[in-house]
Amino acid sequence: MNISINAVGKLKESYWREAVAEYSKRISRFAHFEIVELPESRLSDNPSEAEIFSALENEAKLMQPYLDKKGSLNVAMCVEGKLISSEELASEIECAGVNGYSTINFFIGSSFGLSDTVKKSCKLRISMSEMTLPHQLARVVLSEQIYRALTINAGIRYHK
């Protein structure tokens, strides 16, 4: 199984990078894992709706090659997505393999989210929380939850 987090923006602080690196190392025991950092569109300090829409569409174009990968289950991480448990994520990952998907692509947008184009291209939409999270923290949380799901599926006692 290949698992990819396709995220807009770079992790600027070392503590975010270190946390993701730790979970990347752990995940690699179970699956090929990669994080793809896509450039974030620059916006003015007080962007208009049109400016935000344009930026999200530009970011969607950068995500398109990953959305188009054959054999991929695409998952949009978005606030309007479904709240699921760690066990449900584990089940989704397990079912992806059973259903013939070789890759799971998770998509995390910029601070303004994902474009509707990306969301419509994804089979699943998942929300991490009803609370607002910084998108850099979202990458750490998602990495940890992927690791937790893989340990659940492997029957390893990490999950409590």
N, C-alpha and C. Protein backbone atom coordinates (compact mmCIF):
# COMPACT_ATOMS: atom_id res chain seq x y z
N MET A 1 0.84 -1.18 0.00
CA MET A 1 0.00 0.00 0.00
C MET A 1 0.88 1.24 0.00
N ASN A 2 0.51 2.19 -0.81
CA ASN A 2 1.15 3.51 -0.83
C ASN A 2 0.18 4.50 -0.20
N ILE A 3 0.71 5.33 0.69
CA ILE A 3 -0.09 6.36 1.33
C ILE A 3 0.64 7.69 1.15
N SER A 4 -0.12 8.69 0.73
CA SER A 4 0.47 10.00 0.46
C SER A 4 -0.39 11.09 1.09
N ILE A 5 0.29 12.04 1.71
CA ILE A 5 -0.39 13.27 2.15
C ILE A 5 0.07 14.35 1.19
N ASN A 6 -0.87 14.91 0.47
CA ASN A 6 -0.60 15.98 -0.48
C ASN A 6 -1.10 17.27 0.17
N ALA A 7 -0.18 18.09 0.61
CA ALA A 7 -0.53 19.25 1.42
C ALA A 7 -0.01 20.54 0.80
N VAL A 8 -0.82 21.57 0.91
CA VAL A 8 -0.42 22.89 0.44
C VAL A 8 0.42 23.54 1.53
N GLY A 9 1.57 24.05 1.14
CA GLY A 9 2.45 24.76 2.07
C GLY A 9 3.51 23.87 2.67
N LYS A 10 4.52 24.54 3.21
CA LYS A 10 5.63 23.85 3.87
C LYS A 10 5.46 23.95 5.38
N LEU A 11 6.00 22.96 6.06
CA LEU A 11 6.04 23.03 7.52
C LEU A 11 7.20 23.94 7.89
N LYS A 12 6.89 25.08 8.46
CA LYS A 12 7.93 26.08 8.71
C LYS A 12 8.71 25.82 10.00
N GLU A 13 8.03 25.43 11.05
CA GLU A 13 8.69 25.23 12.34
C GLU A 13 9.27 23.82 12.43
N SER A 14 10.44 23.73 13.07
CA SER A 14 11.12 22.44 13.17
C SER A 14 10.32 21.42 13.96
N TYR A 15 9.56 21.85 14.97
CA TYR A 15 8.82 20.88 15.78
C TYR A 15 7.72 20.20 14.97
N TRP A 16 7.11 20.89 14.00
CA TRP A 16 6.13 20.24 13.13
C TRP A 16 6.84 19.23 12.23
N ARG A 17 7.97 19.64 11.65
CA ARG A 17 8.72 18.74 10.76
C ARG A 17 9.20 17.51 11.51
N GLU A 18 9.67 17.70 12.74
CA GLU A 18 10.16 16.56 13.54
C GLU A 18 9.03 15.59 13.88
N ALA A 19 7.87 16.11 14.22
CA ALA A 19 6.73 15.25 14.53
C ALA A 19 6.31 14.44 13.31
N VAL A 20 6.20 15.09 12.16
CA VAL A 20 5.82 14.39 10.94
C VAL A 20 6.90 13.38 10.55
N ALA A 21 8.16 13.72 10.71
CA ALA A 21 9.26 12.79 10.40
C ALA A 21 9.17 11.54 11.27
N GLU A 22 8.84 11.71 12.53
CA GLU A 22 8.71 10.56 13.43
C GLU A 22 7.58 9.64 12.97
N TYR A 23 6.42 10.21 12.66
CA TYR A 23 5.31 9.37 12.20
C TYR A 23 5.59 8.78 10.82
N SER A 24 6.29 9.50 9.97
CA SER A 24 6.67 8.96 8.66
C SER A 24 7.52 7.72 8.83
N LYS A 25 8.47 7.78 9.75
CA LYS A 25 9.34 6.63 10.03
C LYS A 25 8.50 5.45 10.53
N ARG A 26 7.58 5.71 11.42
CA ARG A 26 6.73 4.65 11.97
C ARG A 26 5.83 4.05 10.90
N ILE A 27 5.23 4.90 10.08
CA ILE A 27 4.33 4.43 9.02
C ILE A 27 5.07 3.57 8.02
N SER A 28 6.33 3.89 7.75
CA SER A 28 7.10 3.17 6.74
C SER A 28 7.27 1.68 7.06
N ARG A 29 7.00 1.27 8.29
CA ARG A 29 7.02 -0.16 8.63
C ARG A 29 5.85 -0.90 7.98
N PHE A 30 4.79 -0.17 7.65
CA PHE A 30 3.56 -0.77 7.16
C PHE A 30 3.24 -0.46 5.71
N ALA A 31 3.71 0.69 5.22
CA ALA A 31 3.33 1.15 3.89
C ALA A 31 4.40 2.11 3.37
N HIS A 32 4.42 2.26 2.05
CA HIS A 32 5.26 3.30 1.47
C HIS A 32 4.52 4.61 1.73
N PHE A 33 5.21 5.57 2.36
CA PHE A 33 4.57 6.81 2.78
C PHE A 33 5.36 7.99 2.27
N GLU A 34 4.64 8.97 1.75
CA GLU A 34 5.30 10.19 1.32
C GLU A 34 4.41 11.40 1.60
N ILE A 35 5.08 12.51 1.78
CA ILE A 35 4.38 13.78 1.92
C ILE A 35 4.80 14.66 0.75
N VAL A 36 3.82 15.13 0.04
CA VAL A 36 4.06 16.02 -1.09
C VAL A 36 3.65 17.42 -0.66
N GLU A 37 4.61 18.33 -0.66
CA GLU A 37 4.33 19.73 -0.31
C GLU A 37 4.15 20.52 -1.59
N LEU A 38 2.97 21.10 -1.73
CA LEU A 38 2.65 21.89 -2.91
C LEU A 38 2.71 23.37 -2.56
N PRO A 39 3.14 24.20 -3.50
CA PRO A 39 3.26 25.63 -3.19
C PRO A 39 1.92 26.27 -2.86
N GLU A 40 1.95 27.13 -1.86
CA GLU A 40 0.75 27.86 -1.44
C GLU A 40 0.64 29.14 -2.25
N SER A 41 -0.56 29.44 -2.68
CA SER A 41 -0.79 30.69 -3.40
C SER A 41 -0.65 31.86 -2.45
N ARG A 42 -0.02 32.91 -2.91
CA ARG A 42 0.14 34.11 -2.08
C ARG A 42 -1.10 34.97 -2.22
N LEU A 43 -1.57 35.43 -1.08
CA LEU A 43 -2.76 36.27 -1.06
C LEU A 43 -2.45 37.58 -0.34
N SER A 44 -3.26 38.58 -0.61
CA SER A 44 -3.12 39.85 0.10
C SER A 44 -3.53 39.66 1.56
N ASP A 45 -3.26 40.65 2.39
CA ASP A 45 -3.61 40.55 3.81
C ASP A 45 -5.10 40.42 4.05
N ASN A 46 -5.90 41.02 3.20
CA ASN A 46 -7.35 40.96 3.33
C ASN A 46 -7.93 40.53 1.98
N PRO A 47 -7.79 39.24 1.63
CA PRO A 47 -8.18 38.81 0.28
C PRO A 47 -9.69 38.83 0.05
N SER A 48 -10.07 39.14 -1.17
CA SER A 48 -11.47 39.10 -1.56
C SER A 48 -11.87 37.65 -1.81
N GLU A 49 -13.17 37.42 -1.89
CA GLU A 49 -13.67 36.07 -2.21
C GLU A 49 -13.12 35.61 -3.56
N ALA A 50 -13.07 36.52 -4.52
CA ALA A 50 -12.56 36.17 -5.86
C ALA A 50 -11.09 35.78 -5.80
N GLU A 51 -10.31 36.49 -4.99
CA GLU A 51 -8.89 36.18 -4.84
C GLU A 51 -8.70 34.81 -4.18
N ILE A 52 -9.50 34.52 -3.17
CA ILE A 52 -9.44 33.22 -2.49
C ILE A 52 -9.82 32.11 -3.47
N PHE A 53 -10.91 32.30 -4.20
CA PHE A 53 -11.36 31.31 -5.19
C PHE A 53 -10.26 31.02 -6.20
N SER A 54 -9.64 32.07 -6.71
CA SER A 54 -8.57 31.92 -7.70
C SER A 54 -7.38 31.16 -7.12
N ALA A 55 -7.02 31.48 -5.88
CA ALA A 55 -5.90 30.79 -5.23
C ALA A 55 -6.21 29.32 -5.05
N LEU A 56 -7.42 29.00 -4.59
CA LEU A 56 -7.80 27.60 -4.40
C LEU A 56 -7.82 26.84 -5.73
N GLU A 57 -8.25 27.47 -6.78
CA GLU A 57 -8.25 26.82 -8.09
C GLU A 57 -6.82 26.59 -8.60
N ASN A 58 -5.92 27.55 -8.34
CA ASN A 58 -4.51 27.35 -8.72
C ASN A 58 -3.91 26.18 -7.95
N GLU A 59 -4.22 26.09 -6.66
CA GLU A 59 -3.73 24.97 -5.85
C GLU A 59 -4.33 23.65 -6.34
N ALA A 60 -5.59 23.68 -6.77
CA ALA A 60 -6.24 22.48 -7.31
C ALA A 60 -5.51 21.97 -8.55
N LYS A 61 -5.04 22.89 -9.39
CA LYS A 61 -4.30 22.49 -10.59
C LYS A 61 -3.02 21.76 -10.22
N LEU A 62 -2.38 22.19 -9.13
CA LEU A 62 -1.16 21.52 -8.67
C LEU A 62 -1.47 20.14 -8.09
N MET A 63 -2.68 19.96 -7.57
CA MET A 63 -3.08 18.67 -7.00
C MET A 63 -3.56 17.68 -8.07
N GLN A 64 -3.91 18.19 -9.23
CA GLN A 64 -4.54 17.37 -10.27
C GLN A 64 -3.75 16.11 -10.63
N PRO A 65 -2.43 16.17 -10.80
CA PRO A 65 -1.71 14.93 -11.15
C PRO A 65 -1.88 13.83 -10.08
N TYR A 66 -2.02 14.21 -8.84
CA TYR A 66 -2.20 13.23 -7.76
C TYR A 66 -3.63 12.72 -7.72
N LEU A 67 -4.57 13.59 -8.06
CA LEU A 67 -5.98 13.19 -8.13
C LEU A 67 -6.21 12.23 -9.29
N ASP A 68 -5.42 12.36 -10.35
CA ASP A 68 -5.60 11.55 -11.55
C ASP A 68 -4.86 10.21 -11.52
N LYS A 69 -4.08 9.96 -10.47
CA LYS A 69 -3.31 8.70 -10.41
C LYS A 69 -4.23 7.50 -10.45
N LYS A 70 -3.93 6.58 -11.36
CA LYS A 70 -4.74 5.36 -11.46
C LYS A 70 -4.58 4.52 -10.20
N GLY A 71 -5.66 3.89 -9.80
CA GLY A 71 -5.61 3.00 -8.65
C GLY A 71 -5.54 3.70 -7.32
N SER A 72 -5.94 4.99 -7.28
CA SER A 72 -5.84 5.77 -6.05
C SER A 72 -7.21 6.05 -5.44
N LEU A 73 -7.27 5.93 -4.14
CA LEU A 73 -8.41 6.40 -3.37
C LEU A 73 -8.06 7.79 -2.89
N ASN A 74 -8.83 8.78 -3.31
CA ASN A 74 -8.56 10.17 -2.95
C ASN A 74 -9.46 10.60 -1.80
N VAL A 75 -8.84 11.23 -0.79
CA VAL A 75 -9.53 11.62 0.43
C VAL A 75 -9.28 13.11 0.68
N ALA A 76 -10.36 13.88 0.70
CA ALA A 76 -10.27 15.31 1.00
C ALA A 76 -10.40 15.50 2.50
N MET A 77 -9.45 16.18 3.09
CA MET A 77 -9.53 16.54 4.51
C MET A 77 -10.14 17.94 4.55
N CYS A 78 -11.40 17.99 4.98
CA CYS A 78 -12.10 19.27 4.93
C CYS A 78 -13.12 19.37 6.06
N VAL A 79 -13.41 20.57 6.46
CA VAL A 79 -14.26 20.83 7.61
C VAL A 79 -15.67 20.25 7.42
N GLU A 80 -16.16 20.22 6.19
CA GLU A 80 -17.51 19.69 5.97
C GLU A 80 -17.52 18.18 5.76
N GLY A 81 -16.36 17.56 5.89
CA GLY A 81 -16.27 16.11 5.78
C GLY A 81 -16.89 15.41 6.98
N LYS A 82 -16.89 14.10 6.91
CA LYS A 82 -17.48 13.28 7.96
C LYS A 82 -16.47 13.11 9.10
N LEU A 83 -16.95 13.25 10.32
CA LEU A 83 -16.12 12.95 11.49
C LEU A 83 -16.08 11.43 11.65
N ILE A 84 -14.88 10.87 11.71
CA ILE A 84 -14.77 9.42 11.87
C ILE A 84 -13.81 9.11 13.01
N SER A 85 -13.92 7.92 13.55
CA SER A 85 -13.04 7.47 14.62
C SER A 85 -11.76 6.89 14.03
N SER A 86 -10.80 6.63 14.89
CA SER A 86 -9.56 5.99 14.46
C SER A 86 -9.85 4.60 13.89
N GLU A 87 -10.78 3.90 14.52
CA GLU A 87 -11.15 2.56 14.02
C GLU A 87 -11.80 2.64 12.65
N GLU A 88 -12.61 3.68 12.43
CA GLU A 88 -13.23 3.84 11.11
C GLU A 88 -12.19 4.18 10.05
N LEU A 89 -11.19 4.99 10.40
CA LEU A 89 -10.11 5.27 9.46
C LEU A 89 -9.35 3.99 9.14
N ALA A 90 -9.09 3.18 10.16
CA ALA A 90 -8.41 1.89 9.94
C ALA A 90 -9.21 1.03 8.96
N SER A 91 -10.51 1.01 9.15
CA SER A 91 -11.37 0.24 8.27
C SER A 91 -11.34 0.77 6.83
N GLU A 92 -11.36 2.09 6.67
CA GLU A 92 -11.29 2.69 5.32
C GLU A 92 -9.97 2.31 4.63
N ILE A 93 -8.88 2.34 5.38
CA ILE A 93 -7.58 1.98 4.81
C ILE A 93 -7.56 0.51 4.42
N GLU A 94 -8.07 -0.34 5.30
CA GLU A 94 -8.12 -1.77 5.00
C GLU A 94 -9.01 -2.05 3.79
N CYS A 95 -10.18 -1.42 3.74
CA CYS A 95 -11.10 -1.62 2.62
C CYS A 95 -10.50 -1.12 1.31
N ALA A 96 -9.71 -0.07 1.37
CA ALA A 96 -9.09 0.45 0.14
C ALA A 96 -8.23 -0.63 -0.51
N GLY A 97 -7.44 -1.32 0.30
CA GLY A 97 -6.61 -2.39 -0.24
C GLY A 97 -7.43 -3.54 -0.78
N VAL A 98 -8.47 -3.94 -0.04
CA VAL A 98 -9.35 -5.03 -0.46
C VAL A 98 -10.06 -4.69 -1.76
N ASN A 99 -10.40 -3.42 -1.93
CA ASN A 99 -11.12 -2.98 -3.13
C ASN A 99 -10.21 -2.64 -4.30
N GLY A 100 -8.93 -2.97 -4.19
CA GLY A 100 -8.03 -2.83 -5.32
C GLY A 100 -7.29 -1.52 -5.45
N TYR A 101 -7.42 -0.64 -4.47
CA TYR A 101 -6.65 0.61 -4.52
C TYR A 101 -5.22 0.33 -4.07
N SER A 102 -4.27 0.81 -4.83
CA SER A 102 -2.86 0.63 -4.45
C SER A 102 -2.32 1.85 -3.70
N THR A 103 -3.03 2.96 -3.80
CA THR A 103 -2.59 4.20 -3.19
C THR A 103 -3.77 4.90 -2.53
N ILE A 104 -3.49 5.51 -1.37
CA ILE A 104 -4.46 6.40 -0.74
C ILE A 104 -3.82 7.77 -0.70
N ASN A 105 -4.47 8.73 -1.34
CA ASN A 105 -4.02 10.12 -1.35
C ASN A 105 -4.90 10.95 -0.43
N PHE A 106 -4.30 11.52 0.60
CA PHE A 106 -5.01 12.47 1.47
C PHE A 106 -4.64 13.87 1.01
N PHE A 107 -5.62 14.77 0.94
CA PHE A 107 -5.39 16.14 0.49
C PHE A 107 -5.71 17.12 1.60
N ILE A 108 -4.72 17.96 1.94
CA ILE A 108 -4.89 19.03 2.93
C ILE A 108 -4.65 20.34 2.20
N GLY A 109 -5.59 21.23 2.29
CA GLY A 109 -5.48 22.52 1.62
C GLY A 109 -4.73 23.54 2.44
N SER A 110 -4.76 24.74 1.96
CA SER A 110 -4.15 25.87 2.66
C SER A 110 -5.08 26.31 3.78
N SER A 111 -4.80 27.44 4.38
CA SER A 111 -5.64 27.94 5.47
C SER A 111 -7.07 28.26 5.00
N PHE A 112 -7.26 28.38 3.69
CA PHE A 112 -8.60 28.60 3.16
C PHE A 112 -9.25 27.30 2.70
N GLY A 113 -8.58 26.18 2.92
CA GLY A 113 -9.17 24.88 2.61
C GLY A 113 -8.81 24.37 1.22
N LEU A 114 -9.73 23.56 0.71
CA LEU A 114 -9.58 22.95 -0.61
C LEU A 114 -10.64 23.51 -1.56
N SER A 115 -10.32 23.54 -2.82
CA SER A 115 -11.31 23.99 -3.80
C SER A 115 -12.40 22.93 -3.95
N ASP A 116 -13.56 23.36 -4.41
CA ASP A 116 -14.65 22.41 -4.69
C ASP A 116 -14.24 21.40 -5.75
N THR A 117 -13.38 21.81 -6.66
CA THR A 117 -12.88 20.91 -7.69
C THR A 117 -12.19 19.70 -7.07
N VAL A 118 -11.34 19.94 -6.08
CA VAL A 118 -10.62 18.85 -5.41
C VAL A 118 -11.61 18.00 -4.63
N LYS A 119 -12.47 18.64 -3.86
CA LYS A 119 -13.44 17.89 -3.04
C LYS A 119 -14.31 16.98 -3.89
N LYS A 120 -14.74 17.47 -5.05
CA LYS A 120 -15.59 16.67 -5.93
C LYS A 120 -14.82 15.51 -6.55
N SER A 121 -13.51 15.63 -6.65
CA SER A 121 -12.67 14.57 -7.22
C SER A 121 -12.33 13.48 -6.21
N CYS A 122 -12.69 13.68 -4.96
CA CYS A 122 -12.35 12.74 -3.90
C CYS A 122 -13.53 11.85 -3.56
N LYS A 123 -13.25 10.58 -3.39
CA LYS A 123 -14.29 9.62 -3.03
C LYS A 123 -14.74 9.83 -1.58
N LEU A 124 -13.81 10.20 -0.71
CA LEU A 124 -14.12 10.41 0.70
C LEU A 124 -13.81 11.85 1.10
N ARG A 125 -14.59 12.35 2.03
CA ARG A 125 -14.32 13.65 2.67
C ARG A 125 -14.34 13.40 4.17
N ILE A 126 -13.23 13.71 4.80
CA ILE A 126 -13.09 13.47 6.23
C ILE A 126 -12.76 14.78 6.93
N SER A 127 -13.38 14.99 8.08
CA SER A 127 -13.07 16.12 8.94
C SER A 127 -12.32 15.61 10.16
N MET A 128 -11.29 16.31 10.57
CA MET A 128 -10.53 15.91 11.75
C MET A 128 -11.19 16.33 13.04
N SER A 129 -11.96 17.41 12.98
CA SER A 129 -12.53 17.95 14.20
C SER A 129 -13.53 19.03 13.83
N GLU A 130 -14.43 19.29 14.75
CA GLU A 130 -15.31 20.44 14.55
C GLU A 130 -14.59 21.73 14.92
N MET A 131 -13.45 21.60 15.60
CA MET A 131 -12.63 22.76 15.94
C MET A 131 -11.76 23.14 14.75
N THR A 132 -11.39 24.39 14.68
CA THR A 132 -10.48 24.85 13.63
C THR A 132 -9.05 24.55 14.05
N LEU A 133 -8.31 23.89 13.16
CA LEU A 133 -6.91 23.56 13.41
C LEU A 133 -6.03 24.28 12.41
N PRO A 134 -4.83 24.71 12.82
CA PRO A 134 -3.89 25.23 11.83
C PRO A 134 -3.55 24.12 10.84
N HIS A 135 -3.45 24.43 9.55
CA HIS A 135 -3.22 23.36 8.59
C HIS A 135 -1.89 22.67 8.80
N GLN A 136 -0.92 23.31 9.44
CA GLN A 136 0.35 22.63 9.76
C GLN A 136 0.13 21.56 10.82
N LEU A 137 -0.68 21.87 11.82
CA LEU A 137 -1.01 20.88 12.84
C LEU A 137 -1.84 19.74 12.24
N ALA A 138 -2.69 20.07 11.29
CA ALA A 138 -3.51 19.04 10.64
C ALA A 138 -2.63 17.96 10.02
N ARG A 139 -1.51 18.34 9.46
CA ARG A 139 -0.60 17.36 8.85
C ARG A 139 -0.02 16.41 9.90
N VAL A 140 0.30 16.95 11.07
CA VAL A 140 0.82 16.14 12.17
C VAL A 140 -0.27 15.19 12.66
N VAL A 141 -1.46 15.72 12.90
CA VAL A 141 -2.56 14.90 13.40
C VAL A 141 -2.91 13.80 12.40
N LEU A 142 -2.98 14.15 11.13
CA LEU A 142 -3.30 13.14 10.11
C LEU A 142 -2.22 12.06 10.05
N SER A 143 -0.96 12.45 10.13
CA SER A 143 0.14 11.46 10.11
C SER A 143 0.00 10.50 11.29
N GLU A 144 -0.29 11.06 12.47
CA GLU A 144 -0.45 10.20 13.65
C GLU A 144 -1.64 9.27 13.48
N GLN A 145 -2.74 9.76 12.95
CA GLN A 145 -3.92 8.94 12.79
C GLN A 145 -3.73 7.85 11.74
N ILE A 146 -2.96 8.13 10.70
CA ILE A 146 -2.63 7.09 9.72
C ILE A 146 -1.82 6.00 10.40
N TYR A 147 -0.82 6.40 11.19
CA TYR A 147 -0.02 5.42 11.92
C TYR A 147 -0.91 4.60 12.86
N ARG A 148 -1.78 5.27 13.60
CA ARG A 148 -2.68 4.58 14.53
C ARG A 148 -3.56 3.58 13.78
N ALA A 149 -4.11 4.00 12.64
CA ALA A 149 -4.97 3.11 11.84
C ALA A 149 -4.20 1.88 11.38
N LEU A 150 -2.96 2.08 10.95
CA LEU A 150 -2.16 0.94 10.49
C LEU A 150 -1.84 -0.02 11.63
N THR A 151 -1.61 0.52 12.84
CA THR A 151 -1.36 -0.36 13.98
C THR A 151 -2.62 -1.11 14.38
N ILE A 152 -3.77 -0.47 14.27
CA ILE A 152 -5.04 -1.15 14.53
C ILE A 152 -5.18 -2.33 13.57
N ASN A 153 -4.95 -2.07 12.30
CA ASN A 153 -5.09 -3.13 11.29
C ASN A 153 -4.08 -4.26 11.48
N ALA A 154 -2.91 -3.93 12.04
CA ALA A 154 -1.87 -4.94 12.25
C ALA A 154 -2.01 -5.64 13.61
N GLY A 155 -2.95 -5.17 14.43
CA GLY A 155 -3.14 -5.77 15.75
C GLY A 155 -2.06 -5.42 16.75
N ILE A 156 -1.40 -4.28 16.53
CA ILE A 156 -0.33 -3.83 17.43
C ILE A 156 -0.94 -2.97 18.52
N ARG A 157 -0.41 -3.04 19.72
CA ARG A 157 -1.03 -2.41 20.88
C ARG A 157 -0.77 -0.90 21.01
N TYR A 158 -0.49 -0.21 19.99
CA TYR A 158 -0.31 1.25 20.08
C TYR A 158 -1.65 1.90 20.40
N HIS A 159 -2.70 1.43 19.75
CA HIS A 159 -4.03 2.02 19.92
C HIS A 159 -4.63 1.60 21.26
N LYS A 160 -5.13 2.58 22.02
CA LYS A 160 -5.74 2.27 23.31
C LYS A 160 -7.14 2.78 23.37
